[in-house]
N, C-alpha and C. Protein backbone atom coordinates (compact mmCIF):
# COMPACT_ATOMS: atom_id res chain seq x y z
N MET A 1 93.28 413.79 99.30
CA MET A 1 94.37 412.94 99.77
C MET A 1 94.40 411.69 98.91
N ASN A 2 95.57 411.21 98.66
CA ASN A 2 95.69 410.01 97.84
C ASN A 2 95.31 408.76 98.64
N ILE A 3 95.13 407.68 97.93
CA ILE A 3 94.68 406.43 98.56
C ILE A 3 95.71 405.89 99.55
N ILE A 4 97.00 406.07 99.28
CA ILE A 4 98.04 405.61 100.20
C ILE A 4 97.91 406.34 101.54
N GLY A 5 97.68 407.63 101.49
CA GLY A 5 97.50 408.41 102.71
C GLY A 5 96.29 407.96 103.50
N LYS A 6 95.19 407.68 102.82
CA LYS A 6 93.98 407.23 103.52
C LYS A 6 94.16 405.85 104.14
N ILE A 7 94.86 404.99 103.43
CA ILE A 7 95.14 403.65 103.98
C ILE A 7 96.03 403.78 105.21
N ALA A 8 97.08 404.59 105.12
CA ALA A 8 97.99 404.79 106.26
C ALA A 8 97.23 405.38 107.44
N GLN A 9 96.38 406.36 107.16
CA GLN A 9 95.57 407.00 108.20
C GLN A 9 94.68 405.99 108.90
N THR A 10 94.00 405.16 108.14
CA THR A 10 93.08 404.17 108.69
C THR A 10 93.83 403.11 109.49
N LEU A 11 94.90 402.58 108.92
CA LEU A 11 95.63 401.51 109.61
C LEU A 11 96.27 402.00 110.90
N ALA A 12 96.86 403.18 110.88
CA ALA A 12 97.49 403.71 112.10
C ALA A 12 96.44 403.88 113.20
N ALA A 13 95.29 404.43 112.85
CA ALA A 13 94.24 404.65 113.84
C ALA A 13 93.71 403.33 114.38
N LEU A 14 93.44 402.38 113.50
CA LEU A 14 92.91 401.09 113.95
C LEU A 14 93.93 400.33 114.80
N TRP A 15 95.20 400.48 114.50
CA TRP A 15 96.25 399.84 115.28
C TRP A 15 96.23 400.35 116.72
N ILE A 16 96.06 401.67 116.86
CA ILE A 16 95.98 402.27 118.20
C ILE A 16 94.79 401.71 118.96
N PHE A 17 93.63 401.64 118.32
CA PHE A 17 92.46 401.08 118.99
C PHE A 17 92.72 399.64 119.42
N ASN A 18 93.35 398.86 118.56
CA ASN A 18 93.65 397.47 118.88
C ASN A 18 94.56 397.36 120.11
N VAL A 19 95.60 398.18 120.15
CA VAL A 19 96.55 398.12 121.27
C VAL A 19 95.87 398.53 122.59
N TRP A 20 95.11 399.62 122.56
CA TRP A 20 94.56 400.17 123.81
C TRP A 20 93.27 399.49 124.26
N PHE A 21 92.53 398.85 123.35
CA PHE A 21 91.28 398.21 123.75
C PHE A 21 91.34 396.69 123.73
N ASN A 22 92.09 396.11 122.82
CA ASN A 22 92.14 394.66 122.70
C ASN A 22 93.37 394.05 123.37
N ARG A 23 94.48 394.73 123.34
CA ARG A 23 95.73 394.15 123.84
C ARG A 23 96.24 394.80 125.13
N PHE A 24 95.44 395.62 125.74
CA PHE A 24 95.85 396.38 126.93
C PHE A 24 96.40 395.47 128.03
N ASN A 25 95.74 394.37 128.31
CA ASN A 25 96.14 393.46 129.39
C ASN A 25 96.82 392.19 128.88
N LYS A 26 97.33 392.23 127.65
CA LYS A 26 97.93 391.04 127.06
C LYS A 26 99.43 391.21 126.86
N ASP A 27 100.13 390.10 126.96
CA ASP A 27 101.55 390.06 126.65
C ASP A 27 101.69 389.85 125.15
N THR A 28 102.20 390.85 124.47
CA THR A 28 102.24 390.79 123.01
C THR A 28 103.61 390.42 122.46
N GLY A 29 104.62 390.40 123.29
CA GLY A 29 105.97 390.18 122.78
C GLY A 29 106.64 391.47 122.33
N TYR A 30 105.88 392.56 122.33
CA TYR A 30 106.43 393.86 121.94
C TYR A 30 106.43 394.84 123.12
N ARG A 31 106.08 394.39 124.28
CA ARG A 31 106.05 395.24 125.47
C ARG A 31 107.48 395.64 125.85
N GLY A 32 107.59 396.82 126.41
CA GLY A 32 108.89 397.30 126.85
C GLY A 32 109.43 396.52 128.03
N GLY A 33 110.72 396.31 128.05
CA GLY A 33 111.37 395.62 129.16
C GLY A 33 110.80 394.22 129.36
N ASP A 34 110.47 393.91 130.62
CA ASP A 34 109.90 392.60 130.95
C ASP A 34 108.40 392.66 131.15
N ALA A 35 107.75 393.71 130.69
CA ALA A 35 106.32 393.92 130.92
C ALA A 35 105.48 392.89 130.17
N THR A 36 104.36 392.52 130.79
CA THR A 36 103.41 391.60 130.16
C THR A 36 102.06 392.25 129.90
N ASN A 37 101.91 393.53 130.29
CA ASN A 37 100.68 394.27 130.00
C ASN A 37 101.01 395.76 129.97
N MET A 38 100.01 396.57 129.66
CA MET A 38 100.26 398.01 129.50
C MET A 38 100.72 398.66 130.80
N ARG A 39 100.10 398.32 131.92
CA ARG A 39 100.50 398.92 133.20
C ARG A 39 101.97 398.63 133.51
N GLU A 40 102.35 397.38 133.37
CA GLU A 40 103.74 397.00 133.62
C GLU A 40 104.69 397.70 132.65
N GLU A 41 104.25 397.87 131.42
CA GLU A 41 105.10 398.54 130.43
C GLU A 41 105.38 399.98 130.85
N PHE A 42 104.35 400.70 131.28
CA PHE A 42 104.58 402.07 131.71
C PHE A 42 105.45 402.12 132.97
N GLU A 43 105.30 401.13 133.85
CA GLU A 43 106.18 401.04 135.03
C GLU A 43 107.63 400.84 134.59
N GLU A 44 107.84 399.98 133.59
CA GLU A 44 109.20 399.75 133.06
C GLU A 44 109.83 401.06 132.59
N TYR A 45 109.00 401.93 132.02
CA TYR A 45 109.49 403.21 131.51
C TYR A 45 109.64 404.26 132.60
N GLY A 46 109.23 403.91 133.83
CA GLY A 46 109.31 404.87 134.92
C GLY A 46 108.17 405.88 134.92
N LEU A 47 107.05 405.51 134.29
CA LEU A 47 105.90 406.40 134.18
C LEU A 47 104.75 405.91 135.06
N SER A 48 103.97 406.84 135.55
CA SER A 48 102.88 406.51 136.46
C SER A 48 101.65 405.97 135.74
N GLU A 49 100.75 405.40 136.53
CA GLU A 49 99.48 404.92 135.99
C GLU A 49 98.68 406.09 135.43
N ARG A 50 98.73 407.22 136.09
CA ARG A 50 98.04 408.42 135.61
C ARG A 50 98.57 408.83 134.23
N THR A 51 99.88 408.76 134.06
CA THR A 51 100.48 409.08 132.77
C THR A 51 100.02 408.08 131.72
N MET A 52 99.95 406.80 132.09
CA MET A 52 99.49 405.77 131.17
C MET A 52 98.10 406.11 130.64
N TYR A 53 97.19 406.47 131.55
CA TYR A 53 95.83 406.79 131.11
C TYR A 53 95.78 408.07 130.29
N ALA A 54 96.61 409.05 130.62
CA ALA A 54 96.65 410.29 129.84
C ALA A 54 97.18 410.03 128.43
N VAL A 55 98.25 409.25 128.33
CA VAL A 55 98.80 408.91 127.02
C VAL A 55 97.79 408.10 126.23
N GLY A 56 97.15 407.14 126.88
CA GLY A 56 96.14 406.33 126.21
C GLY A 56 94.98 407.17 125.70
N ALA A 57 94.50 408.08 126.53
CA ALA A 57 93.39 408.95 126.10
C ALA A 57 93.81 409.81 124.92
N ALA A 58 95.03 410.33 124.96
CA ALA A 58 95.52 411.16 123.86
C ALA A 58 95.64 410.33 122.57
N LYS A 59 96.22 409.15 122.67
CA LYS A 59 96.39 408.31 121.48
C LYS A 59 95.04 407.88 120.90
N VAL A 60 94.14 407.43 121.77
CA VAL A 60 92.82 406.99 121.30
C VAL A 60 92.04 408.17 120.73
N GLY A 61 92.11 409.31 121.39
CA GLY A 61 91.43 410.50 120.89
C GLY A 61 91.95 410.93 119.52
N LEU A 62 93.26 410.96 119.37
CA LEU A 62 93.85 411.33 118.09
C LEU A 62 93.53 410.30 117.00
N ALA A 63 93.53 409.02 117.38
CA ALA A 63 93.17 407.97 116.42
C ALA A 63 91.72 408.15 115.97
N GLY A 64 90.85 408.47 116.90
CA GLY A 64 89.45 408.73 116.55
C GLY A 64 89.32 409.91 115.60
N LEU A 65 90.07 410.97 115.87
CA LEU A 65 90.05 412.14 114.99
C LEU A 65 90.61 411.79 113.60
N MET A 66 91.59 410.90 113.57
CA MET A 66 92.13 410.47 112.27
C MET A 66 91.05 409.76 111.46
N LEU A 67 90.26 408.92 112.12
CA LEU A 67 89.19 408.24 111.39
C LEU A 67 88.11 409.23 110.96
N LEU A 68 87.79 410.17 111.83
CA LEU A 68 86.84 411.23 111.44
C LEU A 68 87.39 412.04 110.27
N GLY A 69 88.70 412.14 110.19
CA GLY A 69 89.35 412.85 109.11
C GLY A 69 89.07 412.25 107.74
N LEU A 70 88.65 411.00 107.70
CA LEU A 70 88.25 410.40 106.43
C LEU A 70 87.02 411.11 105.87
N PHE A 71 86.20 411.66 106.77
CA PHE A 71 84.97 412.37 106.37
C PHE A 71 85.12 413.88 106.48
N PHE A 72 86.00 414.32 107.37
CA PHE A 72 86.28 415.74 107.59
C PHE A 72 87.78 415.95 107.46
N PRO A 73 88.27 416.07 106.23
CA PRO A 73 89.71 416.06 105.97
C PRO A 73 90.54 417.07 106.75
N LYS A 74 89.97 418.17 107.18
CA LYS A 74 90.76 419.16 107.92
C LYS A 74 91.25 418.63 109.27
N LEU A 75 90.66 417.56 109.76
CA LEU A 75 91.09 416.96 111.02
C LEU A 75 92.35 416.10 110.87
N THR A 76 92.58 415.63 109.66
CA THR A 76 93.60 414.61 109.45
C THR A 76 95.01 415.08 109.81
N ARG A 77 95.42 416.21 109.30
CA ARG A 77 96.81 416.63 109.51
C ARG A 77 97.11 416.87 111.00
N PRO A 78 96.30 417.65 111.74
CA PRO A 78 96.65 417.85 113.15
C PRO A 78 96.59 416.55 113.97
N ALA A 79 95.59 415.71 113.70
CA ALA A 79 95.48 414.46 114.45
C ALA A 79 96.65 413.53 114.14
N SER A 80 96.99 413.42 112.87
CA SER A 80 98.09 412.54 112.47
C SER A 80 99.43 413.04 112.98
N THR A 81 99.62 414.34 112.95
CA THR A 81 100.86 414.93 113.45
C THR A 81 100.98 414.68 114.95
N GLY A 82 99.89 414.86 115.68
CA GLY A 82 99.90 414.61 117.12
C GLY A 82 100.21 413.16 117.45
N LEU A 83 99.58 412.25 116.72
CA LEU A 83 99.84 410.83 116.97
C LEU A 83 101.28 410.48 116.61
N ALA A 84 101.79 411.02 115.52
CA ALA A 84 103.18 410.76 115.15
C ALA A 84 104.13 411.22 116.26
N ALA A 85 103.85 412.37 116.84
CA ALA A 85 104.70 412.88 117.93
C ALA A 85 104.65 411.95 119.14
N LEU A 86 103.47 411.48 119.49
CA LEU A 86 103.36 410.54 120.62
C LEU A 86 104.10 409.24 120.32
N MET A 87 104.06 408.80 119.07
CA MET A 87 104.73 407.56 118.72
C MET A 87 106.25 407.72 118.75
N LEU A 88 106.75 408.92 118.47
CA LEU A 88 108.18 409.15 118.65
C LEU A 88 108.56 408.97 120.12
N GLY A 89 107.68 409.44 121.01
CA GLY A 89 107.90 409.22 122.44
C GLY A 89 107.91 407.75 122.79
N ALA A 90 106.99 406.98 122.21
CA ALA A 90 106.93 405.53 122.46
C ALA A 90 108.22 404.85 121.98
N ILE A 91 108.68 405.24 120.81
CA ILE A 91 109.93 404.67 120.28
C ILE A 91 111.08 405.01 121.22
N GLY A 92 111.11 406.25 121.68
CA GLY A 92 112.15 406.67 122.62
C GLY A 92 112.13 405.87 123.91
N MET A 93 110.95 405.53 124.39
CA MET A 93 110.84 404.74 125.62
C MET A 93 111.42 403.34 125.42
N HIS A 94 111.20 402.76 124.25
CA HIS A 94 111.78 401.44 123.98
C HIS A 94 113.31 401.51 124.02
N PHE A 95 113.86 402.58 123.46
CA PHE A 95 115.31 402.73 123.49
C PHE A 95 115.80 403.03 124.91
N LYS A 96 115.00 403.76 125.68
CA LYS A 96 115.37 404.09 127.06
C LYS A 96 115.60 402.83 127.89
N VAL A 97 114.75 401.81 127.70
CA VAL A 97 114.89 400.57 128.47
C VAL A 97 115.72 399.53 127.73
N LYS A 98 116.39 399.99 126.66
CA LYS A 98 117.31 399.15 125.90
C LYS A 98 116.65 397.91 125.29
N ASP A 99 115.43 398.09 124.82
CA ASP A 99 114.74 397.01 124.11
C ASP A 99 115.42 396.74 122.78
N PRO A 100 115.33 395.50 122.30
CA PRO A 100 115.77 395.25 120.92
C PRO A 100 114.83 396.01 119.96
N VAL A 101 115.32 396.34 118.80
CA VAL A 101 114.53 397.12 117.83
C VAL A 101 113.20 396.44 117.53
N LYS A 102 113.18 395.11 117.51
CA LYS A 102 111.95 394.37 117.22
C LYS A 102 110.78 394.84 118.09
N ARG A 103 111.04 395.14 119.34
CA ARG A 103 109.96 395.55 120.24
C ARG A 103 109.41 396.93 119.91
N ALA A 104 110.20 397.73 119.24
CA ALA A 104 109.75 399.08 118.85
C ALA A 104 109.07 399.10 117.48
N LEU A 105 109.08 397.98 116.77
CA LEU A 105 108.52 397.95 115.42
C LEU A 105 107.05 398.38 115.33
N PRO A 106 106.17 397.94 116.25
CA PRO A 106 104.79 398.43 116.16
C PRO A 106 104.70 399.95 116.31
N ALA A 107 105.45 400.52 117.24
CA ALA A 107 105.44 401.97 117.42
C ALA A 107 106.00 402.66 116.17
N MET A 108 107.04 402.08 115.59
CA MET A 108 107.61 402.64 114.36
C MET A 108 106.60 402.57 113.21
N SER A 109 105.84 401.48 113.16
CA SER A 109 104.83 401.32 112.11
C SER A 109 103.72 402.35 112.25
N VAL A 110 103.23 402.55 113.47
CA VAL A 110 102.18 403.55 113.68
C VAL A 110 102.72 404.94 113.40
N PHE A 111 103.96 405.21 113.84
CA PHE A 111 104.58 406.50 113.53
C PHE A 111 104.60 406.72 112.02
N THR A 112 105.04 405.72 111.28
CA THR A 112 105.14 405.84 109.83
C THR A 112 103.77 406.09 109.21
N GLY A 113 102.76 405.33 109.64
CA GLY A 113 101.41 405.53 109.11
C GLY A 113 100.88 406.92 109.40
N ALA A 114 101.08 407.38 110.63
CA ALA A 114 100.61 408.71 111.00
C ALA A 114 101.36 409.79 110.22
N ALA A 115 102.66 409.62 110.05
CA ALA A 115 103.45 410.61 109.31
C ALA A 115 103.04 410.64 107.84
N VAL A 116 102.84 409.48 107.23
CA VAL A 116 102.39 409.43 105.84
C VAL A 116 101.03 410.12 105.71
N ALA A 117 100.13 409.84 106.65
CA ALA A 117 98.80 410.47 106.61
C ALA A 117 98.91 411.99 106.74
N ALA A 118 99.77 412.45 107.64
CA ALA A 118 99.93 413.90 107.82
C ALA A 118 100.49 414.55 106.56
N ILE A 119 101.49 413.92 105.97
CA ILE A 119 102.10 414.48 104.75
C ILE A 119 101.11 414.45 103.59
N ALA A 120 100.43 413.32 103.43
CA ALA A 120 99.48 413.20 102.32
C ALA A 120 98.31 414.16 102.48
N SER A 121 97.89 414.41 103.71
CA SER A 121 96.75 415.32 103.93
C SER A 121 97.12 416.75 103.62
N GLY A 122 98.40 417.07 103.69
CA GLY A 122 98.85 418.42 103.39
C GLY A 122 98.84 418.74 101.91
N SER A 123 98.76 417.70 101.09
CA SER A 123 98.79 417.91 99.63
C SER A 123 97.40 418.17 99.05
N GLN A 124 96.37 418.11 99.90
CA GLN A 124 95.02 418.37 99.39
C GLN A 124 94.74 419.87 99.41
N SER A 125 93.79 420.27 98.64
CA SER A 125 93.50 421.71 98.54
C SER A 125 92.11 422.02 99.07
N ASP A 126 91.90 421.82 100.39
CA ASP A 126 90.64 422.26 100.99
C ASP A 126 90.84 422.92 102.28
């Protein structure tokens, strides 16, 4: 995989860890609707607390696999593709609650990083 793909892979994964572990209970200015933390954001989207934890576990798990993919490249494409799909859902939720595009920018950034990582990982021959 090229260096751009590895950088995208690393940044997307670390961004997910930052959001779910460091910013979970913080008002970031990018929360959906009028939410000031992750729980409120999922409520704004009409999603349950159980769904919030399931989505969080999936995103964190896929981000972890993306980082492991730096050492075990066969993990990169499926993990990055999965995270990109979840980020499309996040972007859709921002549009669902009629957020300005600015609020969806972090989700768009992670989507882009995950998509670049998935595409770049497909060009390797192992």
